[in-house]
């Protein structure tokens, strides 16, 4: 299983296998698409209609709808733009020039697998992406608390494109990645 590590006096490194690379690349692409679609449709409307967007663009004032709307009007575009940029940064690190998911610029070795090196602020960008992606999946599954332990995902509908059990496994894996990058960044 992948984890973020930081060699002594070096940058943050994430080791990934091919399947993990593919999953993260797909999630980054889907997040970009969702956010750009919401922007084109109008963020206020998207936030009202989509629980995932409501989590990604939270209210500034829960007890004052007028102040919350004003706050969102002034902050939503920049907030969503930052989320799109974070997802694109992750996607760029995971894809080759032909758009296929693979680790570009990664070091490989027989026992190391593939690795993505995160210089400077890029590790924080990855942390933001992981958080945004987990929030989106949690909203889709109906997870209200940070701890999904004991959570039973809904039974999939016949026409459901996503398997809730798989989404829950991905949600948990992203939580593991999030914990590992926080631990590495906390050491710095």
N, C-alpha and C. Protein backbone atom coordinates (compact mmCIF):
# COMPACT_ATOMS: atom_id res chain seq x y z
N UNK A 1 0.84 -1.18 0.00
CA UNK A 1 0.00 0.00 0.00
C UNK A 1 0.88 1.23 0.00
N UNK A 2 0.46 2.23 -0.70
CA UNK A 2 1.23 3.47 -0.83
C UNK A 2 1.22 4.27 0.45
N UNK A 3 2.24 5.10 0.57
CA UNK A 3 2.31 6.04 1.69
C UNK A 3 3.30 7.13 1.34
N UNK A 4 3.08 8.30 1.91
CA UNK A 4 4.03 9.39 1.75
C UNK A 4 5.18 9.17 2.71
N UNK A 5 6.37 9.44 2.25
CA UNK A 5 7.57 9.33 3.09
C UNK A 5 8.46 10.52 2.79
N UNK A 6 9.38 10.79 3.71
CA UNK A 6 10.37 11.84 3.47
C UNK A 6 11.72 11.30 3.90
N UNK A 7 12.56 11.02 2.90
CA UNK A 7 13.92 10.58 3.25
C UNK A 7 14.63 11.70 4.02
N UNK A 8 15.64 11.36 4.79
CA UNK A 8 16.38 12.41 5.52
C UNK A 8 16.86 13.50 4.56
N UNK A 9 16.57 14.73 4.90
CA UNK A 9 16.99 15.91 4.14
C UNK A 9 16.54 15.84 2.68
N UNK A 10 15.35 15.31 2.46
CA UNK A 10 14.86 15.23 1.08
C UNK A 10 13.41 15.67 0.98
N UNK A 11 12.90 15.66 -0.25
CA UNK A 11 11.51 16.05 -0.48
C UNK A 11 10.55 14.92 -0.10
N UNK A 12 9.27 15.24 -0.06
CA UNK A 12 8.23 14.25 0.21
C UNK A 12 8.10 13.35 -1.02
N UNK A 13 7.96 12.05 -0.78
CA UNK A 13 7.85 11.08 -1.86
C UNK A 13 6.62 10.21 -1.61
N UNK A 14 5.87 9.96 -2.67
CA UNK A 14 4.73 9.05 -2.62
C UNK A 14 5.03 7.88 -3.54
N UNK A 15 5.03 6.69 -2.99
CA UNK A 15 5.23 5.48 -3.78
C UNK A 15 3.86 4.94 -4.18
N UNK A 16 3.70 4.64 -5.47
CA UNK A 16 2.42 4.18 -5.99
C UNK A 16 2.61 2.96 -6.88
N UNK A 17 1.63 2.07 -6.85
CA UNK A 17 1.63 1.03 -7.87
C UNK A 17 0.76 1.52 -9.03
N UNK A 18 0.68 0.75 -10.08
CA UNK A 18 -0.03 1.17 -11.29
C UNK A 18 -1.52 1.43 -11.02
N UNK A 19 -2.14 0.56 -10.24
CA UNK A 19 -3.57 0.73 -9.94
C UNK A 19 -3.82 1.98 -9.11
N UNK A 20 -2.98 2.24 -8.13
CA UNK A 20 -3.13 3.43 -7.30
C UNK A 20 -2.95 4.69 -8.14
N UNK A 21 -2.00 4.66 -9.04
CA UNK A 21 -1.77 5.79 -9.94
C UNK A 21 -3.01 6.05 -10.77
N UNK A 22 -3.59 4.99 -11.31
CA UNK A 22 -4.78 5.11 -12.13
C UNK A 22 -5.95 5.68 -11.34
N UNK A 23 -6.16 5.18 -10.14
CA UNK A 23 -7.28 5.65 -9.31
C UNK A 23 -7.12 7.13 -8.99
N UNK A 24 -5.93 7.53 -8.54
CA UNK A 24 -5.72 8.94 -8.20
C UNK A 24 -5.88 9.83 -9.43
N UNK A 25 -5.39 9.37 -10.58
CA UNK A 25 -5.54 10.13 -11.81
C UNK A 25 -7.01 10.29 -12.20
N UNK A 26 -7.77 9.23 -12.09
CA UNK A 26 -9.20 9.30 -12.40
C UNK A 26 -9.93 10.23 -11.44
N UNK A 27 -9.60 10.12 -10.16
CA UNK A 27 -10.25 10.99 -9.16
C UNK A 27 -9.92 12.45 -9.42
N UNK A 28 -8.67 12.75 -9.74
CA UNK A 28 -8.28 14.14 -10.02
C UNK A 28 -9.03 14.66 -11.24
N UNK A 29 -9.09 13.86 -12.30
CA UNK A 29 -9.82 14.26 -13.50
C UNK A 29 -11.31 14.48 -13.23
N UNK A 30 -11.91 13.59 -12.46
CA UNK A 30 -13.33 13.73 -12.13
C UNK A 30 -13.60 14.97 -11.28
N UNK A 31 -12.69 15.26 -10.35
CA UNK A 31 -12.87 16.44 -9.51
C UNK A 31 -12.78 17.71 -10.35
N UNK A 32 -11.80 17.78 -11.26
CA UNK A 32 -11.68 18.93 -12.15
C UNK A 32 -12.96 19.09 -12.96
N UNK A 33 -13.43 18.00 -13.54
CA UNK A 33 -14.65 18.05 -14.37
C UNK A 33 -15.86 18.51 -13.57
N UNK A 34 -16.03 17.96 -12.35
CA UNK A 34 -17.17 18.34 -11.51
C UNK A 34 -17.12 19.83 -11.18
N UNK A 35 -15.94 20.32 -10.79
CA UNK A 35 -15.81 21.72 -10.39
C UNK A 35 -16.00 22.67 -11.58
N UNK A 36 -15.44 22.30 -12.73
CA UNK A 36 -15.60 23.15 -13.92
C UNK A 36 -17.06 23.14 -14.40
N UNK A 37 -17.72 22.00 -14.35
CA UNK A 37 -19.15 21.94 -14.71
C UNK A 37 -19.97 22.81 -13.77
N UNK A 38 -19.66 22.75 -12.48
CA UNK A 38 -20.40 23.56 -11.51
C UNK A 38 -20.17 25.05 -11.75
N UNK A 39 -18.96 25.42 -12.12
CA UNK A 39 -18.66 26.82 -12.40
C UNK A 39 -19.44 27.29 -13.62
N UNK A 40 -19.46 26.46 -14.67
CA UNK A 40 -20.21 26.83 -15.87
C UNK A 40 -21.72 26.94 -15.60
N UNK A 41 -22.23 26.06 -14.75
CA UNK A 41 -23.67 26.06 -14.45
C UNK A 41 -24.04 27.15 -13.45
N UNK A 42 -23.07 27.71 -12.79
CA UNK A 42 -23.31 28.72 -11.75
C UNK A 42 -23.09 28.09 -10.39
N UNK A 43 -22.09 28.58 -9.67
CA UNK A 43 -21.73 27.97 -8.39
C UNK A 43 -22.85 27.99 -7.37
N UNK A 44 -23.58 29.08 -7.30
CA UNK A 44 -24.66 29.16 -6.31
C UNK A 44 -25.67 28.05 -6.53
N UNK A 45 -26.03 27.83 -7.78
CA UNK A 45 -26.99 26.78 -8.11
C UNK A 45 -26.40 25.40 -7.83
N UNK A 46 -25.14 25.19 -8.21
CA UNK A 46 -24.49 23.90 -8.00
C UNK A 46 -24.38 23.58 -6.52
N UNK A 47 -24.05 24.56 -5.71
CA UNK A 47 -23.92 24.34 -4.27
C UNK A 47 -25.27 23.98 -3.66
N UNK A 48 -26.31 24.60 -4.17
CA UNK A 48 -27.66 24.33 -3.66
C UNK A 48 -28.14 22.93 -4.04
N UNK A 49 -27.76 22.46 -5.23
CA UNK A 49 -28.27 21.19 -5.75
C UNK A 49 -27.38 19.98 -5.45
N UNK A 50 -26.11 20.19 -5.23
CA UNK A 50 -25.18 19.08 -5.10
C UNK A 50 -24.54 19.09 -3.71
N UNK A 51 -24.80 18.05 -2.89
CA UNK A 51 -24.20 18.00 -1.55
C UNK A 51 -22.68 18.02 -1.57
N UNK A 52 -22.07 17.44 -2.60
CA UNK A 52 -20.60 17.47 -2.68
C UNK A 52 -20.10 18.90 -2.86
N UNK A 53 -20.76 19.66 -3.73
CA UNK A 53 -20.36 21.06 -3.92
C UNK A 53 -20.61 21.87 -2.65
N UNK A 54 -21.67 21.55 -1.93
CA UNK A 54 -21.94 22.25 -0.67
C UNK A 54 -20.83 22.01 0.34
N UNK A 55 -20.23 20.81 0.32
CA UNK A 55 -19.12 20.53 1.23
C UNK A 55 -17.84 21.22 0.77
N UNK A 56 -17.66 21.31 -0.53
CA UNK A 56 -16.44 21.92 -1.06
C UNK A 56 -16.46 23.44 -0.99
N UNK A 57 -17.65 24.02 -1.00
CA UNK A 57 -17.81 25.48 -0.91
C UNK A 57 -18.74 25.75 0.27
N UNK A 58 -18.22 25.62 1.49
CA UNK A 58 -19.08 25.71 2.68
C UNK A 58 -19.58 27.13 2.93
N UNK A 59 -20.62 27.17 3.74
CA UNK A 59 -21.19 28.46 4.13
C UNK A 59 -20.25 29.15 5.11
N UNK A 60 -20.14 30.44 4.99
CA UNK A 60 -19.33 31.20 5.92
C UNK A 60 -20.10 31.53 7.20
N UNK A 61 -21.42 31.61 7.08
CA UNK A 61 -22.28 31.98 8.21
C UNK A 61 -23.52 31.09 8.18
N UNK A 62 -23.56 30.11 9.05
CA UNK A 62 -24.67 29.15 9.04
C UNK A 62 -25.96 29.75 9.59
N UNK A 63 -25.86 30.71 10.46
CA UNK A 63 -27.06 31.28 11.09
C UNK A 63 -27.59 32.50 10.37
N UNK A 64 -26.92 32.92 9.32
CA UNK A 64 -27.33 34.12 8.61
C UNK A 64 -27.27 33.86 7.10
N UNK A 65 -28.38 33.42 6.49
CA UNK A 65 -28.38 33.07 5.07
C UNK A 65 -27.94 34.22 4.16
N UNK A 66 -28.30 35.45 4.50
CA UNK A 66 -27.93 36.59 3.67
C UNK A 66 -26.42 36.81 3.71
N UNK A 67 -25.82 36.76 4.90
CA UNK A 67 -24.37 36.91 5.04
C UNK A 67 -23.65 35.73 4.39
N UNK A 68 -24.22 34.52 4.50
CA UNK A 68 -23.61 33.34 3.88
C UNK A 68 -23.58 33.48 2.36
N UNK A 69 -24.67 33.96 1.78
CA UNK A 69 -24.73 34.16 0.33
C UNK A 69 -23.73 35.21 -0.11
N UNK A 70 -23.61 36.28 0.64
CA UNK A 70 -22.65 37.34 0.32
C UNK A 70 -21.21 36.82 0.43
N UNK A 71 -20.94 36.08 1.50
CA UNK A 71 -19.61 35.50 1.69
C UNK A 71 -19.26 34.57 0.53
N UNK A 72 -20.19 33.70 0.16
CA UNK A 72 -19.95 32.75 -0.93
C UNK A 72 -19.75 33.49 -2.25
N UNK A 73 -20.50 34.56 -2.46
CA UNK A 73 -20.39 35.34 -3.70
C UNK A 73 -18.97 35.89 -3.87
N UNK A 74 -18.35 36.28 -2.77
CA UNK A 74 -17.01 36.87 -2.84
C UNK A 74 -15.88 35.85 -2.77
N UNK A 75 -16.15 34.63 -2.29
CA UNK A 75 -15.07 33.67 -2.09
C UNK A 75 -15.14 32.41 -2.96
N UNK A 76 -16.31 32.06 -3.45
CA UNK A 76 -16.50 30.77 -4.12
C UNK A 76 -15.62 30.59 -5.36
N UNK A 77 -15.53 31.61 -6.19
CA UNK A 77 -14.74 31.47 -7.42
C UNK A 77 -13.27 31.18 -7.12
N UNK A 78 -12.69 31.93 -6.18
CA UNK A 78 -11.29 31.70 -5.82
C UNK A 78 -11.10 30.35 -5.15
N UNK A 79 -12.04 29.97 -4.30
CA UNK A 79 -11.97 28.69 -3.61
C UNK A 79 -12.02 27.53 -4.62
N UNK A 80 -12.97 27.58 -5.53
CA UNK A 80 -13.09 26.53 -6.54
C UNK A 80 -11.89 26.54 -7.47
N UNK A 81 -11.41 27.72 -7.85
CA UNK A 81 -10.22 27.81 -8.69
C UNK A 81 -9.02 27.16 -8.05
N UNK A 82 -8.84 27.34 -6.75
CA UNK A 82 -7.75 26.71 -6.02
C UNK A 82 -7.89 25.19 -6.00
N UNK A 83 -9.12 24.72 -5.87
CA UNK A 83 -9.37 23.28 -5.87
C UNK A 83 -9.10 22.67 -7.24
N UNK A 84 -9.49 23.36 -8.29
CA UNK A 84 -9.21 22.90 -9.65
C UNK A 84 -7.70 22.86 -9.88
N UNK A 85 -6.99 23.89 -9.46
CA UNK A 85 -5.53 23.92 -9.64
C UNK A 85 -4.85 22.80 -8.88
N UNK A 86 -5.32 22.52 -7.66
CA UNK A 86 -4.74 21.42 -6.88
C UNK A 86 -4.96 20.08 -7.59
N UNK A 87 -6.16 19.85 -8.07
CA UNK A 87 -6.45 18.59 -8.77
C UNK A 87 -5.64 18.49 -10.06
N UNK A 88 -5.48 19.59 -10.76
CA UNK A 88 -4.67 19.57 -11.99
C UNK A 88 -3.19 19.32 -11.69
N UNK A 89 -2.71 19.83 -10.58
CA UNK A 89 -1.32 19.58 -10.18
C UNK A 89 -1.11 18.09 -9.95
N UNK A 90 -2.05 17.46 -9.25
CA UNK A 90 -1.97 16.02 -9.00
C UNK A 90 -2.06 15.26 -10.31
N UNK A 91 -3.01 15.64 -11.15
CA UNK A 91 -3.20 14.97 -12.44
C UNK A 91 -1.94 15.08 -13.30
N UNK A 92 -1.34 16.24 -13.31
CA UNK A 92 -0.12 16.43 -14.11
C UNK A 92 1.02 15.55 -13.61
N UNK A 93 1.11 15.36 -12.31
CA UNK A 93 2.17 14.52 -11.75
C UNK A 93 1.94 13.04 -12.06
N UNK A 94 0.68 12.68 -12.33
CA UNK A 94 0.34 11.27 -12.52
C UNK A 94 0.16 10.85 -13.97
N UNK A 95 0.16 11.80 -14.90
CA UNK A 95 -0.11 11.45 -16.29
C UNK A 95 1.06 11.75 -17.18
N UNK A 96 1.14 10.99 -18.25
CA UNK A 96 2.17 11.22 -19.26
C UNK A 96 1.62 12.23 -20.25
N UNK A 97 2.44 12.61 -21.20
CA UNK A 97 2.02 13.60 -22.20
C UNK A 97 0.84 13.12 -23.04
N UNK A 98 0.68 11.79 -23.21
CA UNK A 98 -0.44 11.30 -24.01
C UNK A 98 -1.72 11.13 -23.20
N UNK A 99 -1.70 11.54 -21.91
CA UNK A 99 -2.90 11.53 -21.09
C UNK A 99 -3.13 10.24 -20.34
N UNK A 100 -2.31 9.21 -20.57
CA UNK A 100 -2.48 7.96 -19.85
C UNK A 100 -1.99 8.13 -18.42
N UNK A 101 -2.66 7.44 -17.52
CA UNK A 101 -2.25 7.49 -16.13
C UNK A 101 -0.99 6.67 -15.94
N UNK A 102 0.05 7.31 -15.54
CA UNK A 102 1.30 6.67 -15.16
C UNK A 102 2.11 7.73 -14.45
N UNK A 103 3.10 7.32 -13.73
CA UNK A 103 3.86 8.30 -12.97
C UNK A 103 4.94 8.89 -13.85
N UNK A 104 4.81 10.19 -14.13
CA UNK A 104 5.81 10.85 -14.95
C UNK A 104 6.94 11.36 -14.07
N UNK A 105 8.12 11.29 -14.58
CA UNK A 105 9.27 11.78 -13.84
C UNK A 105 9.52 11.00 -12.57
N UNK A 106 9.00 9.78 -12.50
CA UNK A 106 9.11 9.01 -11.28
C UNK A 106 10.35 8.13 -11.31
N UNK A 107 10.88 7.88 -10.15
CA UNK A 107 11.98 6.94 -10.07
C UNK A 107 11.40 5.55 -9.86
N UNK A 108 12.02 4.58 -10.45
CA UNK A 108 11.56 3.21 -10.27
C UNK A 108 12.72 2.33 -9.91
N UNK A 109 12.42 1.30 -9.21
CA UNK A 109 13.42 0.31 -8.85
C UNK A 109 12.69 -0.98 -8.58
N UNK A 110 13.38 -2.10 -8.58
CA UNK A 110 12.70 -3.37 -8.44
C UNK A 110 11.91 -3.49 -7.15
N UNK A 111 12.43 -2.94 -6.07
CA UNK A 111 11.68 -3.04 -4.81
C UNK A 111 10.93 -1.76 -4.47
N UNK A 112 11.21 -0.67 -5.15
CA UNK A 112 10.60 0.61 -4.83
C UNK A 112 9.25 0.83 -5.51
N UNK A 113 9.02 0.25 -6.66
CA UNK A 113 7.85 0.60 -7.44
C UNK A 113 8.04 1.98 -8.03
N UNK A 114 6.97 2.69 -8.27
CA UNK A 114 7.05 4.04 -8.81
C UNK A 114 6.92 5.05 -7.67
N UNK A 115 7.48 6.23 -7.88
CA UNK A 115 7.44 7.26 -6.84
C UNK A 115 7.23 8.62 -7.46
N UNK A 116 6.42 9.43 -6.80
CA UNK A 116 6.22 10.82 -7.19
C UNK A 116 6.92 11.68 -6.14
N UNK A 117 7.79 12.57 -6.59
CA UNK A 117 8.52 13.45 -5.69
C UNK A 117 7.79 14.78 -5.63
N UNK A 118 7.52 15.24 -4.42
CA UNK A 118 6.77 16.47 -4.21
C UNK A 118 7.69 17.51 -3.58
N UNK A 119 8.08 18.47 -4.38
CA UNK A 119 8.98 19.54 -3.94
C UNK A 119 8.19 20.70 -3.35
N UNK A 120 8.74 21.35 -2.35
CA UNK A 120 8.19 22.59 -1.79
C UNK A 120 6.73 22.48 -1.38
N UNK A 121 5.94 23.43 -1.86
CA UNK A 121 4.52 23.53 -1.50
C UNK A 121 3.64 22.47 -2.17
N UNK A 122 4.20 21.69 -3.09
CA UNK A 122 3.41 20.71 -3.81
C UNK A 122 2.81 19.66 -2.87
N UNK A 123 3.51 19.32 -1.80
CA UNK A 123 2.96 18.36 -0.84
C UNK A 123 1.68 18.91 -0.20
N UNK A 124 1.67 20.21 0.09
CA UNK A 124 0.46 20.83 0.65
C UNK A 124 -0.67 20.84 -0.38
N UNK A 125 -0.32 21.00 -1.65
CA UNK A 125 -1.32 20.95 -2.72
C UNK A 125 -1.94 19.56 -2.78
N UNK A 126 -1.12 18.53 -2.67
CA UNK A 126 -1.64 17.16 -2.66
C UNK A 126 -2.55 16.93 -1.46
N UNK A 127 -2.18 17.48 -0.31
CA UNK A 127 -3.02 17.33 0.89
C UNK A 127 -4.39 17.97 0.65
N UNK A 128 -4.42 19.15 0.05
CA UNK A 128 -5.70 19.81 -0.26
C UNK A 128 -6.52 18.97 -1.22
N UNK A 129 -5.86 18.41 -2.25
CA UNK A 129 -6.57 17.55 -3.19
C UNK A 129 -7.17 16.33 -2.49
N UNK A 130 -6.39 15.67 -1.65
CA UNK A 130 -6.89 14.49 -0.93
C UNK A 130 -8.09 14.85 -0.07
N UNK A 131 -8.02 15.99 0.59
CA UNK A 131 -9.14 16.44 1.43
C UNK A 131 -10.38 16.71 0.58
N UNK A 132 -10.22 17.43 -0.51
CA UNK A 132 -11.35 17.74 -1.38
C UNK A 132 -11.98 16.48 -1.95
N UNK A 133 -11.15 15.52 -2.33
CA UNK A 133 -11.66 14.27 -2.90
C UNK A 133 -12.40 13.45 -1.85
N UNK A 134 -11.87 13.40 -0.64
CA UNK A 134 -12.57 12.68 0.44
C UNK A 134 -13.89 13.35 0.78
N UNK A 135 -13.92 14.68 0.80
CA UNK A 135 -15.18 15.38 1.06
C UNK A 135 -16.22 15.06 0.00
N UNK A 136 -15.79 15.00 -1.25
CA UNK A 136 -16.69 14.70 -2.35
C UNK A 136 -17.25 13.29 -2.22
N UNK A 137 -16.39 12.32 -1.97
CA UNK A 137 -16.84 10.94 -1.82
C UNK A 137 -17.75 10.79 -0.61
N UNK A 138 -17.39 11.44 0.49
CA UNK A 138 -18.23 11.38 1.69
C UNK A 138 -19.63 11.91 1.41
N UNK A 139 -19.71 13.01 0.67
CA UNK A 139 -21.02 13.57 0.33
C UNK A 139 -21.81 12.61 -0.55
N UNK A 140 -21.14 11.97 -1.49
CA UNK A 140 -21.81 11.03 -2.39
C UNK A 140 -22.33 9.80 -1.64
N UNK A 141 -21.57 9.38 -0.61
CA UNK A 141 -21.97 8.20 0.16
C UNK A 141 -22.93 8.54 1.30
N UNK A 142 -22.98 9.81 1.68
CA UNK A 142 -23.83 10.21 2.80
C UNK A 142 -23.13 10.09 4.14
N UNK A 143 -21.79 10.11 4.14
CA UNK A 143 -21.02 10.06 5.38
C UNK A 143 -21.06 11.44 6.01
N UNK A 144 -21.54 11.51 7.23
CA UNK A 144 -21.67 12.80 7.92
C UNK A 144 -20.53 13.05 8.91
N UNK A 145 -19.96 12.00 9.46
CA UNK A 145 -18.88 12.13 10.44
C UNK A 145 -17.57 11.78 9.77
N UNK A 146 -16.46 12.28 10.30
CA UNK A 146 -15.15 12.00 9.71
C UNK A 146 -14.80 10.52 9.80
N UNK A 147 -15.27 9.85 10.82
CA UNK A 147 -14.95 8.44 11.02
C UNK A 147 -16.00 7.59 10.32
N UNK A 148 -15.61 6.92 9.25
CA UNK A 148 -16.54 6.09 8.47
C UNK A 148 -16.63 4.67 9.02
N UNK A 149 -15.94 4.40 10.12
CA UNK A 149 -15.99 3.06 10.69
C UNK A 149 -17.42 2.75 11.13
N UNK A 150 -17.90 1.61 10.74
CA UNK A 150 -19.27 1.22 11.06
C UNK A 150 -20.29 1.79 10.11
N UNK A 151 -19.85 2.63 9.17
CA UNK A 151 -20.76 3.22 8.19
C UNK A 151 -21.15 2.15 7.18
N UNK A 152 -22.42 2.03 6.91
CA UNK A 152 -22.92 1.10 5.91
C UNK A 152 -23.33 1.88 4.68
N UNK A 153 -22.60 1.71 3.57
CA UNK A 153 -22.98 2.44 2.36
C UNK A 153 -24.32 1.96 1.84
N UNK A 154 -25.01 2.82 1.12
CA UNK A 154 -26.31 2.43 0.59
C UNK A 154 -26.17 1.27 -0.40
N UNK A 155 -27.24 0.49 -0.52
CA UNK A 155 -27.26 -0.59 -1.49
C UNK A 155 -27.30 0.03 -2.88
N UNK A 156 -26.44 -0.46 -3.78
CA UNK A 156 -26.42 0.15 -5.12
C UNK A 156 -27.71 -0.10 -5.88
N UNK A 157 -28.12 0.91 -6.61
CA UNK A 157 -29.27 0.78 -7.50
C UNK A 157 -28.84 0.02 -8.74
N UNK A 158 -29.78 -0.55 -9.47
CA UNK A 158 -29.46 -1.32 -10.67
C UNK A 158 -28.72 -0.47 -11.71
N UNK A 159 -29.08 0.81 -11.81
CA UNK A 159 -28.46 1.68 -12.81
C UNK A 159 -27.31 2.50 -12.23
N UNK A 160 -26.89 2.18 -11.01
CA UNK A 160 -25.81 2.90 -10.34
C UNK A 160 -24.48 2.62 -11.03
N UNK A 161 -23.76 3.69 -11.37
CA UNK A 161 -22.45 3.55 -12.02
C UNK A 161 -21.35 3.23 -11.02
N UNK A 162 -21.51 3.67 -9.78
CA UNK A 162 -20.47 3.50 -8.77
C UNK A 162 -20.90 2.49 -7.72
N UNK A 163 -20.00 1.58 -7.38
CA UNK A 163 -20.23 0.62 -6.32
C UNK A 163 -19.94 1.31 -4.98
N UNK A 164 -20.93 1.44 -4.11
CA UNK A 164 -20.70 2.13 -2.84
C UNK A 164 -19.61 1.47 -1.98
N UNK A 165 -19.48 0.16 -2.04
CA UNK A 165 -18.43 -0.51 -1.27
C UNK A 165 -17.05 -0.12 -1.78
N UNK A 166 -16.91 -0.04 -3.10
CA UNK A 166 -15.64 0.39 -3.69
C UNK A 166 -15.35 1.85 -3.33
N UNK A 167 -16.37 2.69 -3.41
CA UNK A 167 -16.18 4.10 -3.05
C UNK A 167 -15.77 4.24 -1.59
N UNK A 168 -16.35 3.41 -0.71
CA UNK A 168 -15.98 3.45 0.71
C UNK A 168 -14.54 3.00 0.90
N UNK A 169 -14.11 1.98 0.15
CA UNK A 169 -12.71 1.53 0.23
C UNK A 169 -11.77 2.63 -0.24
N UNK A 170 -12.12 3.31 -1.32
CA UNK A 170 -11.29 4.41 -1.83
C UNK A 170 -11.27 5.55 -0.82
N UNK A 171 -12.41 5.86 -0.22
CA UNK A 171 -12.50 6.91 0.81
C UNK A 171 -11.54 6.58 1.96
N UNK A 172 -11.53 5.33 2.40
CA UNK A 172 -10.66 4.91 3.50
C UNK A 172 -9.18 4.99 3.09
N UNK A 173 -8.88 4.56 1.86
CA UNK A 173 -7.50 4.63 1.37
C UNK A 173 -7.02 6.07 1.29
N UNK A 174 -7.88 6.96 0.81
CA UNK A 174 -7.51 8.38 0.74
C UNK A 174 -7.28 8.94 2.14
N UNK A 175 -8.04 8.47 3.11
CA UNK A 175 -7.81 8.87 4.51
C UNK A 175 -6.45 8.43 5.00
N UNK A 176 -6.06 7.21 4.63
CA UNK A 176 -4.73 6.71 4.97
C UNK A 176 -3.65 7.58 4.34
N UNK A 177 -3.82 7.91 3.05
CA UNK A 177 -2.85 8.78 2.38
C UNK A 177 -2.78 10.15 3.06
N UNK A 178 -3.95 10.65 3.42
CA UNK A 178 -4.02 11.95 4.08
C UNK A 178 -3.26 11.91 5.41
N UNK A 179 -3.48 10.88 6.19
CA UNK A 179 -2.77 10.74 7.46
C UNK A 179 -1.26 10.65 7.25
N UNK A 180 -0.85 9.90 6.22
CA UNK A 180 0.59 9.74 6.02
C UNK A 180 1.25 11.03 5.55
N UNK A 181 0.59 11.81 4.74
CA UNK A 181 1.21 13.08 4.30
C UNK A 181 1.22 14.09 5.44
N UNK A 182 0.17 14.09 6.27
CA UNK A 182 0.15 14.99 7.43
C UNK A 182 1.30 14.64 8.38
N UNK A 183 1.52 13.34 8.61
CA UNK A 183 2.61 12.92 9.49
C UNK A 183 3.97 13.36 8.94
N UNK A 184 4.15 13.23 7.63
CA UNK A 184 5.41 13.62 7.01
C UNK A 184 5.59 15.14 7.08
N UNK A 185 4.54 15.88 6.79
CA UNK A 185 4.63 17.35 6.82
C UNK A 185 4.81 17.86 8.25
N UNK A 186 4.26 17.13 9.20
CA UNK A 186 4.38 17.51 10.61
C UNK A 186 5.80 17.35 11.11
N UNK A 187 6.55 16.43 10.50
CA UNK A 187 7.95 16.20 10.90
C UNK A 187 8.86 17.33 10.47
N UNK A 188 8.47 18.05 9.42
CA UNK A 188 9.35 19.08 8.85
C UNK A 188 9.57 20.23 9.77
